[in-house]
Amino acid sequence: MPRTNSFMGIDLGIKEFYTDSNGDVVSNPRYLRKSPLRLKRRHRRKSPRAKGGKNRHSNSSMSNCQRVLDRDTTL
């Protein structure tokens, strides 16, 4: 790539994800707002269950929820 003597500025913000010096605006991804709520619900379902209880077995399948959320929330 040829070297140029031009510079570019990037302004990170809250309403917009970023605005560059050319005036291009990229909107903020809003899907991350729902992630903590989903995580909170899933952790509640995963909370300790009674030994020998019916719901204890379903907790093993819930351990996948953290992996799924990590995959969904990483950029």
C-alpha atoms as a PDB file:
ATOM      1  CA  MET A   1       0.000   0.000   0.000  1.00  0.00           C
ATOM      2  CA  PRO A   2       1.494   3.350  -0.965  1.00  0.00           C
ATOM      3  CA  ARG A   3       2.190   5.776   1.813  1.00  0.00           C
ATOM      4  CA  THR A   4       0.294   9.062   1.842  1.00  0.00           C
ATOM      5  CA  ASN A   5       0.717  12.184   3.919  1.00  0.00           C
ATOM      6  CA  SER A   6      -2.942  12.435   4.872  1.00  0.00           C
ATOM      7  CA  PHE A   7      -4.370  11.877   8.333  1.00  0.00           C
ATOM      8  CA  MET A   8      -7.752  10.736   9.544  1.00  0.00           C
ATOM      9  CA  GLY A   9      -9.381  11.520  12.867  1.00  0.00           C
ATOM     10  CA  ILE A  10     -11.898   9.274  14.604  1.00  0.00           C
ATOM     11  CA  ASP A  11     -14.209  10.494  17.355  1.00  0.00           C
ATOM     12  CA  LEU A  12     -15.755   7.723  19.473  1.00  0.00           C
ATOM     13  CA  GLY A  13     -19.075   8.599  21.018  1.00  0.00           C
ATOM     14  CA  ILE A  14     -22.133   7.311  22.833  1.00  0.00           C
ATOM     15  CA  LYS A  15     -24.938   8.231  20.433  1.00  0.00           C
ATOM     16  CA  GLU A  16     -22.860   7.314  17.391  1.00  0.00           C
ATOM     17  CA  PHE A  17     -20.267   4.540  17.452  1.00  0.00           C
ATOM     18  CA  TYR A  18     -17.766   6.780  15.715  1.00  0.00           C
ATOM     19  CA  THR A  19     -17.494   9.779  13.420  1.00  0.00           C
ATOM     20  CA  ASP A  20     -14.438  10.176  11.227  1.00  0.00           C
ATOM     21  CA  SER A  21     -12.858  13.348   9.905  1.00  0.00           C
ATOM     22  CA  ASN A  22     -14.535  12.840   6.509  1.00  0.00           C
ATOM     23  CA  GLY A  23     -17.943  13.202   8.169  1.00  0.00           C
ATOM     24  CA  ASP A  24     -18.905   9.526   7.923  1.00  0.00           C
ATOM     25  CA  VAL A  25     -21.036   8.475  10.894  1.00  0.00           C
ATOM     26  CA  VAL A  26     -21.476   4.865  12.035  1.00  0.00           C
ATOM     27  CA  SER A  27     -24.432   4.259  14.341  1.00  0.00           C
ATOM     28  CA  ASN A  28     -24.015   2.649  17.735  1.00  0.00           C
ATOM     29  CA  PRO A  29     -24.854  -1.090  17.868  1.00  0.00           C
ATOM     30  CA  ARG A  30     -27.797  -1.373  20.260  1.00  0.00           C
ATOM     31  CA  TYR A  31     -27.875  -5.162  20.526  1.00  0.00           C
ATOM     32  CA  LEU A  32     -25.502  -5.041  23.497  1.00  0.00           C
ATOM     33  CA  ARG A  33     -28.205  -3.508  25.708  1.00  0.00           C
ATOM     34  CA  LYS A  34     -30.210  -6.734  25.716  1.00  0.00           C
ATOM     35  CA  SER A  35     -27.252  -8.960  26.578  1.00  0.00           C
ATOM     36  CA  PRO A  36     -27.036  -8.163  30.330  1.00  0.00           C
ATOM     37  CA  LEU A  37     -30.758  -8.818  30.730  1.00  0.00           C
ATOM     38  CA  ARG A  38     -30.487 -12.191  29.000  1.00  0.00           C
ATOM     39  CA  LEU A  39     -27.443 -13.053  31.083  1.00  0.00           C
ATOM     40  CA  LYS A  40     -29.246 -12.108  34.301  1.00  0.00           C
ATOM     41  CA  ARG A  41     -32.234 -14.319  33.432  1.00  0.00           C
ATOM     42  CA  ARG A  42     -30.068 -17.256  32.461  1.00  0.00           C
ATOM     43  CA  HIS A  43     -27.963 -16.998  35.611  1.00  0.00           C
ATOM     44  CA  ARG A  44     -31.143 -17.028  37.672  1.00  0.00           C
ATOM     45  CA  ARG A  45     -32.220 -20.231  35.963  1.00  0.00           C
ATOM     46  CA  LYS A  46     -28.762 -21.716  36.518  1.00  0.00           C
ATOM     47  CA  SER A  47     -28.733 -20.988  40.257  1.00  0.00           C
ATOM     48  CA  PRO A  48     -28.087 -23.970  42.566  1.00  0.00           C
ATOM     49  CA  ARG A  49     -30.789 -26.622  42.538  1.00  0.00           C
ATOM     50  CA  ALA A  50     -31.714 -29.248  45.129  1.00  0.00           C
ATOM     51  CA  LYS A  51     -29.695 -32.441  44.893  1.00  0.00           C
ATOM     52  CA  GLY A  52     -31.787 -35.115  43.236  1.00  0.00           C
ATOM     53  CA  GLY A  53     -34.315 -32.527  42.106  1.00  0.00           C
ATOM     54  CA  LYS A  54     -35.991 -32.549  38.731  1.00  0.00           C
ATOM     55  CA  ASN A  55     -34.481 -29.226  37.682  1.00  0.00           C
ATOM     56  CA  ARG A  56     -30.915 -30.167  38.620  1.00  0.00           C
ATOM     57  CA  HIS A  57     -30.524 -32.165  35.418  1.00  0.00           C
ATOM     58  CA  SER A  58     -31.622 -29.214  33.272  1.00  0.00           C
ATOM     59  CA  ASN A  59     -28.785 -27.111  34.706  1.00  0.00           C
ATOM     60  CA  SER A  60     -26.204 -29.075  32.761  1.00  0.00           C
ATOM     61  CA  SER A  61     -27.738 -27.855  29.527  1.00  0.00           C
ATOM     62  CA  MET A  62     -27.798 -24.312  30.878  1.00  0.00           C
ATOM     63  CA  SER A  63     -23.995 -24.208  31.081  1.00  0.00           C
ATOM     64  CA  ASN A  64     -24.030 -23.606  27.336  1.00  0.00           C
ATOM     65  CA  CYS A  65     -25.831 -20.284  27.831  1.00  0.00           C
ATOM     66  CA  GLN A  66     -22.649 -18.532  28.988  1.00  0.00           C
ATOM     67  CA  ARG A  67     -20.744 -19.722  25.920  1.00  0.00           C
ATOM     68  CA  VAL A  68     -23.543 -18.558  23.637  1.00  0.00           C
ATOM     69  CA  LEU A  69     -23.685 -15.138  25.294  1.00  0.00           C
ATOM     70  CA  ASP A  70     -19.911 -14.754  25.115  1.00  0.00           C
ATOM     71  CA  ARG A  71     -20.053 -15.551  21.426  1.00  0.00           C
ATOM     72  CA  ASP A  72     -22.920 -13.100  20.840  1.00  0.00           C
ATOM     73  CA  THR A  73     -21.445 -10.193  22.761  1.00  0.00           C
ATOM     74  CA  THR A  74     -17.849 -10.242  21.547  1.00  0.00           C
ATOM     75  CA  LEU A  75     -17.141  -7.759  18.805  1.00  0.00           C
END
